[in-house]
Amino acid sequence: MSGRGPRLSVVAVTACALGVALLGAGPSSAGSVTWTLQASGTTNNLNGVACVSASVCWAVGASATVLATSNGGSSWSTQAPGVSNNLNSVACTDSTHCWGVGGAGRIIATSNGGSSWSSQTSGSNALNDIACPDANHCWAVGASGTIRVTSNGGSSWSGQTSGLTGTLNSVACSGTSVCFAVGAGGVILATTNGGTTWTPQVSGTTNNLNGVVCVSASVCWAVGASGTVLATSNGGSSWSTQAPGVSNSLNSIACVDSTHCWAVGGAGRIVATSNGGSSWSGQTSGTSSALADVACVDSTHCWAVGANGVIDAYQFACTGGSLGLSSFSSAAFTSVALNGVDQTATTTGALTPDDETGSGAGWNITVYATAWSDGRGNTMPAPTVTGASVGAASGNCSLPTNAIGYPTAGFGSSAGTATKVYDAAAGTGGGPATVTLTFSQRVPANQKIGAPSPDNFTSTWTFTIATGP
């Protein structure tokens, strides 16, 4: 694809200033957000998942299984927790600090991203879930109404009084003071003082509640047996029923804000809302295995885990669309005052290549430019690109790997002589990315300009994106 690029102008006060008008290729047609199964490398049941970014996640499960990814699930690697218990849940506060809980009161922790895990001292009751609002404070809940808490990252754990003998299945904390726990028989407990006291709330159901999530101290959801979904917007003073449109047991829920939530459960069921639960709709998971837990970092990145080692990722697919390029519309170089020596003017501009084809073929960006002109018969040498940086734009699937060396040659003057300024190796560059180029313009010592000064030079640049690096 190609399009017209920036128009550059140069001014002179005995000087010159450069400005560019840009012609760029059009935008691509977008891909879609879908659930896609990932290779976990295990058939053990996976019970818990936690993600701290769109790239970094952990999953835990039966027989002390611990898996980790640093590339959004393109690959998952095994970590060694040093225990043999089933692990039921994992919580991470950043890319280095995580805690896992499981059978026989087992608590494990890492402070180096899982390179090593160590056991922490707890009680003997099975623990079903853990929530950590920061790297010091965590709450874990489990069998026989067990609530365990740490305020020092797990160096020591102590018990809190739930007033229950039934099982607590899930806990969520909006901070270090406000937490909610849910469990068997529709139980909901809440604390506003860090667990010094836990108070029962009226759920309105006797169905087992399996998962709870809070996006603030006031706004929470709970899910459970027979498709139960409850919501509160007042910190649990009242809970109302929502209709997910399914009868399957729902085992976990994740919300990224007060409107976007996902719940997962039996038979691979996934339901989602984008309006805070006023309506829920089913999404295709691609599996019939029961899903045990879900974690989301934003509205386009979620992971669900479940029976038989299933890992399901909700991400931009970057397929089914086209290859496109959006560019800046104009740019201005720094002004130059002629002084009898060669000088250089610079500017930057951002391009957004977007490969939604799913081909994995890679791509390249080229540019050609009209000759600089001040309208008085004067021109200048062709500009070059001296550097580039890249960042992921929303919906990116993989950053491009660029092999272009800088500085480039001067810009060609036609499509046939266009200069390659950036590329993506095969297998990289899926979805939108922000590529920022640094442009350099040589102003010779003997540069001619028109009178009167200052003088302005302009050029039109045309950027093109094509398949293949």
Protein backbone atom coordinates (compact mmCIF):
# COMPACT_ATOMS: atom_id res chain seq x y z
CA MET A 1 0.00 0.00 0.00
CA SER A 2 1.21 3.51 -0.58
CA GLY A 3 0.10 7.01 0.07
CA ARG A 4 1.32 10.56 -0.02
CA GLY A 5 3.57 11.62 2.77
CA PRO A 6 4.76 14.62 4.74
CA ARG A 7 5.55 17.93 3.21
CA LEU A 8 8.74 19.36 4.65
CA SER A 9 9.74 23.01 4.74
CA VAL A 10 13.02 24.75 5.54
CA VAL A 11 13.42 28.34 6.67
CA ALA A 12 16.40 30.59 6.40
CA VAL A 13 17.31 33.78 8.09
CA THR A 14 20.53 33.61 6.21
CA ALA A 15 18.97 30.32 7.13
CA CYS A 16 16.55 27.62 6.21
CA ALA A 17 13.73 25.70 7.94
CA LEU A 18 12.24 22.47 6.64
CA GLY A 19 8.61 21.34 6.65
CA VAL A 20 7.16 18.10 5.30
CA ALA A 21 3.73 17.17 4.01
CA LEU A 22 3.22 13.43 4.27
CA LEU A 23 1.47 10.96 2.08
CA GLY A 24 1.02 7.57 3.77
CA ALA A 25 -0.62 4.29 3.02
CA GLY A 26 -4.13 3.75 4.35
CA PRO A 27 -4.99 1.91 7.56
CA SER A 28 -5.56 -1.83 7.59
CA SER A 29 -8.82 -3.59 8.20
CA ALA A 30 -8.62 -4.88 11.76
CA GLY A 31 -8.45 -8.41 13.03
CA SER A 32 -10.62 -9.65 15.90
CA VAL A 33 -10.43 -10.53 19.57
CA THR A 34 -11.02 -14.26 20.08
CA TRP A 35 -10.35 -17.09 22.52
CA THR A 36 -7.52 -19.31 21.30
CA LEU A 37 -6.20 -22.45 22.97
CA GLN A 38 -2.51 -22.38 23.89
CA ALA A 39 -0.09 -25.26 24.40
CA SER A 40 0.45 -25.69 28.14
CA GLY A 41 2.70 -28.74 27.89
CA THR A 42 0.76 -30.56 30.63
CA THR A 43 -2.39 -32.62 31.03
CA ASN A 44 -2.61 -31.88 34.75
CA ASN A 45 -5.67 -29.91 35.78
CA LEU A 46 -4.89 -26.22 36.03
CA ASN A 47 -6.73 -24.48 38.86
CA GLY A 48 -5.45 -20.91 39.00
CA VAL A 49 -4.00 -18.20 36.77
CA ALA A 50 -2.59 -14.72 37.41
CA CYS A 51 -1.32 -12.13 34.92
CA VAL A 52 0.51 -8.87 35.57
CA SER A 53 0.67 -7.71 31.94
CA ALA A 54 -0.35 -8.75 28.45
CA SER A 55 2.89 -10.77 28.32
CA VAL A 56 3.57 -12.14 31.81
CA CYS A 57 1.36 -14.79 33.49
CA TRP A 58 1.55 -17.80 35.80
CA ALA A 59 -0.73 -20.84 36.06
CA VAL A 60 -0.85 -23.47 38.81
CA GLY A 61 -2.56 -26.82 39.21
CA ALA A 62 -2.54 -30.45 40.20
CA SER A 63 0.64 -32.20 41.37
CA ALA A 64 2.34 -28.88 42.14
CA THR A 65 2.21 -27.74 38.54
CA VAL A 66 3.57 -24.22 37.99
CA LEU A 67 3.73 -22.74 34.48
CA ALA A 68 4.90 -19.31 33.38
CA THR A 69 4.94 -17.24 30.20
CA SER A 70 6.69 -14.01 29.31
CA ASN A 71 5.32 -13.75 25.77
CA GLY A 72 1.58 -13.77 26.25
CA GLY A 73 1.35 -17.53 26.09
CA SER A 74 3.13 -18.17 22.82
CA SER A 75 5.12 -20.53 25.00
CA TRP A 76 4.68 -21.71 28.59
CA SER A 77 7.56 -23.08 30.65
CA THR A 78 7.54 -25.24 33.78
CA GLN A 79 8.78 -23.90 37.10
CA ALA A 80 9.77 -25.97 40.13
CA PRO A 81 7.89 -25.01 43.32
CA GLY A 82 9.65 -27.59 45.45
CA VAL A 83 6.40 -29.12 46.77
CA SER A 84 4.12 -31.96 45.69
CA ASN A 85 0.73 -30.66 46.79
CA ASN A 86 -2.03 -29.68 44.42
CA LEU A 87 -1.97 -25.91 43.92
CA ASN A 88 -5.35 -24.20 43.71
CA SER A 89 -4.62 -20.52 43.16
CA VAL A 90 -1.87 -18.04 42.37
CA ALA A 91 -1.62 -14.28 42.89
CA CYS A 92 1.09 -11.96 41.56
CA THR A 93 1.67 -8.29 42.28
CA ASP A 94 4.33 -7.70 39.61
CA SER A 95 6.66 -9.65 37.36
CA THR A 96 8.74 -10.93 40.28
CA HIS A 97 6.45 -11.44 43.31
CA CYS A 98 3.90 -14.29 43.34
CA TRP A 99 2.25 -16.59 45.88
CA GLY A 100 0.55 -19.93 45.33
CA VAL A 101 -1.73 -21.83 47.70
CA GLY A 102 -3.04 -25.38 47.79
CA GLY A 103 -3.62 -28.61 49.67
CA ALA A 104 -2.70 -29.09 53.34
CA GLY A 105 -2.37 -25.33 53.85
CA ARG A 106 0.53 -25.12 51.43
CA ILE A 107 1.78 -21.61 50.57
CA ILE A 108 4.68 -21.05 48.17
CA ALA A 109 6.24 -17.77 47.13
CA THR A 110 8.74 -16.32 44.70
CA SER A 111 10.46 -12.94 44.62
CA ASN A 112 12.35 -13.53 41.36
CA GLY A 113 9.61 -14.34 38.88
CA GLY A 114 9.67 -18.05 39.62
CA SER A 115 13.35 -18.80 39.12
CA SER A 116 13.01 -20.18 42.61
CA TRP A 117 10.03 -20.81 44.90
CA SER A 118 10.07 -21.32 48.64
CA SER A 119 7.50 -22.62 51.12
CA GLN A 120 5.99 -20.33 53.72
CA THR A 121 4.60 -21.44 57.07
CA SER A 122 0.83 -21.75 57.25
CA GLY A 123 -1.83 -23.93 58.86
CA SER A 124 -2.91 -27.38 57.72
CA ASN A 125 -6.34 -26.68 56.16
CA ALA A 126 -6.50 -26.70 52.37
CA LEU A 127 -6.34 -23.23 50.85
CA ASN A 128 -8.48 -22.51 47.79
CA ASP A 129 -7.67 -18.95 46.81
CA ILE A 130 -5.31 -16.07 47.49
CA ALA A 131 -5.47 -12.31 46.87
CA CYS A 132 -2.52 -9.93 47.21
CA PRO A 133 -3.20 -6.21 46.79
CA ASP A 134 0.52 -5.47 47.13
CA ALA A 135 3.81 -7.30 47.70
CA ASN A 136 3.40 -7.23 51.49
CA HIS A 137 -0.28 -7.92 52.05
CA CYS A 138 -2.06 -11.17 51.09
CA TRP A 139 -5.16 -13.03 52.23
CA ALA A 140 -5.76 -16.75 51.63
CA VAL A 141 -9.02 -18.65 52.26
CA GLY A 142 -9.98 -22.31 52.33
CA ALA A 143 -11.53 -25.25 54.12
CA SER A 144 -13.37 -24.93 57.46
CA GLY A 145 -13.72 -21.16 57.12
CA THR A 146 -9.95 -20.69 57.12
CA ILE A 147 -8.60 -17.17 56.54
CA ARG A 148 -4.85 -16.59 56.62
CA VAL A 149 -3.16 -13.20 56.30
CA THR A 150 0.33 -11.74 55.95
CA SER A 151 1.47 -8.13 56.10
CA ASN A 152 5.16 -8.84 55.45
CA GLY A 153 5.14 -10.68 52.16
CA GLY A 154 4.72 -14.05 53.81
CA SER A 155 7.56 -14.02 56.29
CA SER A 156 4.79 -14.82 58.75
CA TRP A 157 1.13 -15.77 58.32
CA SER A 158 -1.58 -15.54 60.96
CA GLY A 159 -5.20 -16.65 61.19
CA GLN A 160 -8.25 -14.42 61.14
CA THR A 161 -11.69 -15.31 62.47
CA SER A 162 -14.30 -15.95 59.82
CA GLY A 163 -16.97 -17.26 62.20
CA LEU A 164 -17.62 -20.11 59.74
CA THR A 165 -16.98 -23.82 59.51
CA GLY A 166 -17.92 -24.14 55.84
CA THR A 167 -15.52 -23.86 52.91
CA LEU A 168 -14.41 -20.47 51.59
CA ASN A 169 -13.66 -20.71 47.88
CA SER A 170 -12.46 -17.29 46.81
CA VAL A 171 -11.20 -13.96 48.13
CA ALA A 172 -10.75 -10.54 46.53
CA CYS A 173 -9.24 -7.36 47.96
CA SER A 174 -9.52 -3.84 46.58
CA GLY A 175 -6.73 -2.68 48.90
CA THR A 176 -5.15 -3.48 52.22
CA SER A 177 -8.33 -2.76 54.20
CA VAL A 178 -11.30 -3.94 52.12
CA CYS A 179 -11.68 -7.62 51.16
CA PHE A 180 -14.53 -10.00 50.33
CA ALA A 181 -14.62 -13.78 50.65
CA VAL A 182 -17.26 -16.16 49.26
CA GLY A 183 -17.98 -19.83 49.73
CA ALA A 184 -20.33 -22.73 50.28
CA GLY A 185 -24.03 -22.10 50.76
CA GLY A 186 -23.94 -18.60 49.28
CA VAL A 187 -21.74 -17.20 52.02
CA ILE A 188 -20.28 -13.71 51.54
CA LEU A 189 -17.96 -12.19 54.14
CA ALA A 190 -16.50 -8.69 54.08
CA THR A 191 -13.92 -6.73 56.02
CA THR A 192 -13.17 -3.01 55.95
CA ASN A 193 -10.34 -3.13 58.49
CA GLY A 194 -7.89 -5.57 56.98
CA GLY A 195 -9.56 -8.61 58.49
CA THR A 196 -9.64 -7.60 62.14
CA THR A 197 -13.33 -8.35 61.79
CA TRP A 198 -15.18 -10.18 59.02
CA THR A 199 -18.92 -9.58 58.67
CA PRO A 200 -21.46 -11.76 56.86
CA GLN A 201 -23.44 -10.13 54.06
CA VAL A 202 -26.78 -11.15 52.60
CA SER A 203 -26.18 -12.82 49.24
CA GLY A 204 -29.75 -13.85 48.55
CA THR A 205 -28.69 -17.34 47.42
CA THR A 206 -27.83 -20.69 48.94
CA ASN A 207 -25.89 -21.75 45.84
CA ASN A 208 -22.19 -22.29 46.39
CA LEU A 209 -20.21 -19.21 45.42
CA ASN A 210 -16.91 -20.06 43.73
CA GLY A 211 -15.38 -16.76 42.66
CA VAL A 212 -15.36 -13.09 43.63
CA VAL A 213 -13.73 -10.02 42.10
CA CYS A 214 -13.71 -6.34 43.09
CA VAL A 215 -12.67 -3.36 40.99
CA SER A 216 -13.10 -0.97 43.92
CA ALA A 217 -14.16 -1.03 47.55
CA SER A 218 -17.76 -0.65 46.38
CA VAL A 219 -18.07 -2.57 43.11
CA CYS A 220 -17.78 -6.39 43.15
CA TRP A 221 -19.18 -9.49 41.47
CA ALA A 222 -19.50 -13.07 42.71
CA VAL A 223 -20.22 -16.21 40.68
CA GLY A 224 -21.16 -19.75 41.54
CA ALA A 225 -23.23 -22.87 41.02
CA SER A 226 -26.10 -23.04 38.52
CA GLY A 227 -24.95 -19.94 36.65
CA THR A 228 -25.19 -17.69 39.69
CA VAL A 229 -23.94 -14.13 39.18
CA LEU A 230 -24.28 -11.51 41.93
CA ALA A 231 -23.20 -7.88 41.90
CA THR A 232 -22.88 -5.02 44.36
CA SER A 233 -22.19 -1.34 43.82
CA ASN A 234 -22.31 -0.35 47.49
CA GLY A 235 -19.67 -2.49 49.11
CA GLY A 236 -22.02 -5.37 49.75
CA SER A 237 -24.78 -3.54 51.60
CA SER A 238 -26.91 -5.19 48.97
CA TRP A 239 -26.22 -7.80 46.31
CA SER A 240 -28.37 -8.17 43.20
CA THR A 241 -28.75 -11.08 40.81
CA GLN A 242 -27.60 -10.84 37.20
CA ALA A 243 -28.60 -13.15 34.37
CA PRO A 244 -25.65 -14.70 32.51
CA GLY A 245 -27.90 -16.84 30.34
CA VAL A 246 -26.25 -20.13 31.35
CA SER A 247 -26.96 -22.83 33.90
CA ASN A 248 -23.42 -24.20 34.13
CA SER A 249 -21.51 -23.77 37.34
CA LEU A 250 -19.40 -20.62 37.11
CA ASN A 251 -16.05 -21.06 38.83
CA SER A 252 -14.26 -17.73 38.49
CA ILE A 253 -14.73 -14.15 37.37
CA ALA A 254 -12.33 -11.39 36.30
CA CYS A 255 -13.15 -7.72 35.73
CA VAL A 256 -10.86 -4.99 34.41
CA ASP A 257 -13.17 -2.10 35.25
CA SER A 258 -16.77 -1.45 36.28
CA THR A 259 -18.14 -2.52 32.90
CA HIS A 260 -15.96 -5.33 31.45
CA CYS A 261 -16.03 -8.78 33.08
CA TRP A 262 -15.56 -12.43 32.08
CA ALA A 263 -16.78 -15.50 33.96
CA VAL A 264 -15.76 -19.09 33.25
CA GLY A 265 -17.08 -22.46 34.30
CA GLY A 266 -18.18 -25.97 33.43
CA ALA A 267 -18.02 -27.45 29.94
CA GLY A 268 -15.74 -24.66 28.71
CA ARG A 269 -18.39 -22.03 29.33
CA ILE A 270 -17.34 -18.37 29.06
CA VAL A 271 -19.72 -15.44 29.47
CA ALA A 272 -18.84 -11.77 29.24
CA THR A 273 -20.34 -8.36 29.83
CA SER A 274 -19.34 -4.92 28.60
CA ASN A 275 -22.00 -3.01 30.53
CA GLY A 276 -21.37 -4.02 34.12
CA GLY A 277 -23.65 -7.03 33.92
CA SER A 278 -26.83 -5.47 32.62
CA SER A 279 -26.44 -8.10 29.94
CA TRP A 280 -24.11 -11.08 29.52
CA SER A 281 -23.33 -13.01 26.37
CA GLY A 282 -21.59 -16.30 25.68
CA GLN A 283 -18.19 -16.47 24.02
CA THR A 284 -16.69 -19.44 22.20
CA SER A 285 -13.91 -21.00 24.23
CA GLY A 286 -12.91 -23.75 21.83
CA THR A 287 -12.92 -26.36 24.60
CA SER A 288 -15.41 -28.51 26.47
CA SER A 289 -13.09 -28.90 29.46
CA ALA A 290 -14.21 -27.26 32.69
CA LEU A 291 -12.55 -23.90 33.19
CA ALA A 292 -11.43 -23.21 36.75
CA ASP A 293 -10.05 -19.68 36.73
CA VAL A 294 -9.71 -16.56 34.59
CA ALA A 295 -7.43 -13.50 34.75
CA CYS A 296 -7.62 -10.33 32.65
CA VAL A 297 -5.24 -7.38 32.41
CA ASP A 298 -7.37 -5.27 30.06
CA SER A 299 -10.41 -5.62 27.81
CA THR A 300 -8.45 -7.45 25.11
CA HIS A 301 -6.15 -9.72 27.13
CA CYS A 302 -7.47 -12.56 29.31
CA TRP A 303 -6.37 -16.09 30.12
CA ALA A 304 -8.54 -18.97 31.38
CA VAL A 305 -7.24 -22.30 32.68
CA GLY A 306 -8.91 -25.59 33.45
CA ALA A 307 -9.08 -29.35 33.32
CA ASN A 308 -6.56 -31.42 31.37
CA GLY A 309 -4.02 -28.59 31.18
CA VAL A 310 -6.26 -26.27 29.17
CA ILE A 311 -5.05 -22.70 28.70
CA ASP A 312 -7.34 -20.42 26.69
CA ALA A 313 -6.23 -16.91 25.72
CA TYR A 314 -8.46 -13.98 24.76
CA GLN A 315 -6.35 -11.77 22.51
CA PHE A 316 -6.31 -9.94 19.24
CA ALA A 317 -5.93 -12.61 16.60
CA CYS A 318 -4.36 -10.25 14.02
CA THR A 319 -5.87 -12.39 11.28
CA GLY A 320 -8.61 -12.00 8.71
CA GLY A 321 -7.66 -8.41 7.90
CA SER A 322 -5.23 -6.58 5.66
CA LEU A 323 -1.81 -4.91 5.73
CA GLY A 324 -1.89 -1.15 6.19
CA LEU A 325 0.06 1.90 7.25
CA SER A 326 -0.95 5.15 8.93
CA SER A 327 1.48 8.06 9.00
CA PHE A 328 1.98 11.51 10.45
CA SER A 329 0.57 14.23 8.20
CA SER A 330 3.33 16.85 8.40
CA ALA A 331 6.65 17.58 10.06
CA ALA A 332 9.06 20.47 10.46
CA PHE A 333 12.82 20.26 10.75
CA THR A 334 14.73 22.53 13.10
CA SER A 335 15.62 25.88 11.57
CA VAL A 336 19.18 26.39 10.39
CA ALA A 337 21.11 29.65 10.26
CA LEU A 338 23.72 29.42 7.51
CA ASN A 339 27.24 29.92 8.88
CA GLY A 340 29.60 28.66 6.18
CA VAL A 341 29.90 25.08 7.49
CA ASP A 342 27.87 21.91 6.86
CA GLN A 343 24.97 21.56 9.31
CA THR A 344 22.29 19.00 10.08
CA ALA A 345 18.63 19.51 10.89
CA THR A 346 16.52 16.74 12.49
CA THR A 347 12.92 15.84 13.19
CA THR A 348 10.90 12.75 14.10
CA GLY A 349 7.69 11.19 12.90
CA ALA A 350 5.59 8.20 13.95
CA LEU A 351 4.18 5.59 11.58
CA THR A 352 1.69 2.85 12.48
CA PRO A 353 2.17 -0.30 10.41
CA ASP A 354 -0.62 -2.81 11.04
CA ASP A 355 -0.49 -6.37 9.72
CA GLU A 356 -3.82 -8.10 10.26
CA THR A 357 -3.31 -10.72 7.54
CA GLY A 358 -2.01 -13.45 9.83
CA SER A 359 0.38 -14.54 7.09
CA GLY A 360 3.55 -14.16 9.17
CA ALA A 361 5.34 -13.00 6.02
CA GLY A 362 6.69 -9.79 7.58
CA TRP A 363 6.65 -6.42 5.85
CA ASN A 364 8.74 -3.42 4.89
CA ILE A 365 8.23 0.34 4.78
CA THR A 366 9.79 2.47 2.04
CA VAL A 367 9.76 6.19 1.29
CA TYR A 368 10.46 8.40 -1.68
CA ALA A 369 10.42 12.18 -1.80
CA THR A 370 10.08 15.03 -4.21
CA ALA A 371 13.16 17.23 -4.49
CA TRP A 372 13.39 20.03 -1.96
CA SER A 373 12.21 23.30 -3.43
CA ASP A 374 11.97 26.87 -2.22
CA GLY A 375 10.07 27.98 -5.33
CA ARG A 376 13.09 30.09 -6.31
CA GLY A 377 15.09 27.43 -8.13
CA ASN A 378 17.05 26.20 -5.11
CA THR A 379 17.15 22.66 -3.72
CA MET A 380 18.97 20.58 -1.08
CA PRO A 381 20.34 17.02 -0.69
CA ALA A 382 17.88 14.19 -0.05
CA PRO A 383 17.04 13.47 3.62
CA THR A 384 17.91 10.22 5.42
CA VAL A 385 16.66 8.20 8.40
CA THR A 386 19.22 7.95 11.21
CA GLY A 387 17.37 5.87 13.78
CA ALA A 388 14.14 4.13 14.76
CA SER A 389 12.27 2.91 17.82
CA VAL A 390 9.15 0.78 18.15
CA GLY A 391 6.39 0.21 20.68
CA ALA A 392 3.24 -1.87 20.79
CA ALA A 393 -0.02 -0.17 19.87
CA SER A 394 -3.38 -1.38 21.16
CA GLY A 395 -4.14 -4.76 19.59
CA ASN A 396 -0.53 -5.66 18.87
CA CYS A 397 0.18 -9.37 18.55
CA SER A 398 3.96 -9.28 18.08
CA LEU A 399 6.49 -6.47 17.79
CA PRO A 400 8.44 -6.25 14.52
CA THR A 401 12.07 -7.32 14.39
CA ASN A 402 13.80 -4.67 12.28
CA ALA A 403 16.96 -5.38 10.25
CA ILE A 404 17.45 -1.98 8.59
CA GLY A 405 20.82 -0.32 9.23
CA TYR A 406 21.03 3.41 9.92
CA PRO A 407 21.70 5.92 8.55
CA THR A 408 19.86 4.98 5.40
CA ALA A 409 20.73 6.23 1.95
CA GLY A 410 19.09 9.46 0.87
CA PHE A 411 15.43 9.14 -0.05
CA GLY A 412 14.78 8.01 -3.59
CA SER A 413 12.82 10.26 -5.92
CA SER A 414 10.25 7.74 -7.21
CA ALA A 415 8.49 4.51 -6.30
CA GLY A 416 11.11 2.61 -8.26
CA THR A 417 13.98 4.14 -6.27
CA ALA A 418 12.26 4.28 -2.87
CA THR A 419 14.42 3.85 0.22
CA LYS A 420 13.65 1.10 2.73
CA VAL A 421 13.44 2.65 6.22
CA TYR A 422 11.98 -0.09 8.46
CA ASP A 423 10.99 -3.74 8.23
CA ALA A 424 9.56 -6.71 10.11
CA ALA A 425 11.19 -10.11 9.85
CA ALA A 426 9.02 -13.10 8.97
CA GLY A 427 6.99 -14.21 11.96
CA THR A 428 7.05 -10.75 13.57
CA GLY A 429 5.11 -7.51 13.25
CA GLY A 430 1.58 -8.83 13.71
CA GLY A 431 -0.99 -6.15 14.52
CA PRO A 432 -0.43 -2.42 15.01
CA ALA A 433 2.87 -0.99 16.23
CA THR A 434 4.14 2.56 16.63
CA VAL A 435 7.38 3.07 14.71
CA THR A 436 9.11 6.39 15.41
CA LEU A 437 11.73 7.40 12.84
CA THR A 438 14.40 10.06 13.25
CA PHE A 439 14.96 12.04 10.04
CA SER A 440 18.13 13.94 9.24
CA GLN A 441 18.66 16.67 6.67
CA ARG A 442 22.12 17.86 5.63
CA VAL A 443 22.40 21.61 4.94
CA PRO A 444 25.66 22.19 3.03
CA ALA A 445 28.00 25.03 3.88
CA ASN A 446 27.39 26.53 0.43
CA GLN A 447 23.59 26.09 0.54
CA LYS A 448 21.89 28.58 -1.77
CA ILE A 449 18.75 30.32 -0.61
CA GLY A 450 16.52 32.93 -2.13
CA ALA A 451 16.21 36.53 -1.10
CA PRO A 452 14.88 37.92 1.07
CA SER A 453 15.78 35.63 3.98
CA PRO A 454 14.37 33.49 5.59
CA ASP A 455 13.78 30.92 2.88
CA ASN A 456 11.44 27.92 3.09
CA PHE A 457 12.01 24.57 1.38
CA THR A 458 9.28 21.98 0.97
CA SER A 459 9.14 18.35 -0.07
CA THR A 460 6.46 15.68 -0.24
CA TRP A 461 7.30 12.21 1.06
CA THR A 462 5.40 9.06 0.14
CA PHE A 463 5.54 6.07 2.48
CA THR A 464 4.61 2.57 1.31
CA ILE A 465 4.19 -0.73 3.16
CA ALA A 466 4.56 -4.02 1.34
CA THR A 467 4.59 -7.71 2.26
CA GLY A 468 7.96 -9.27 3.11
CA PRO A 469 10.98 -7.80 4.93
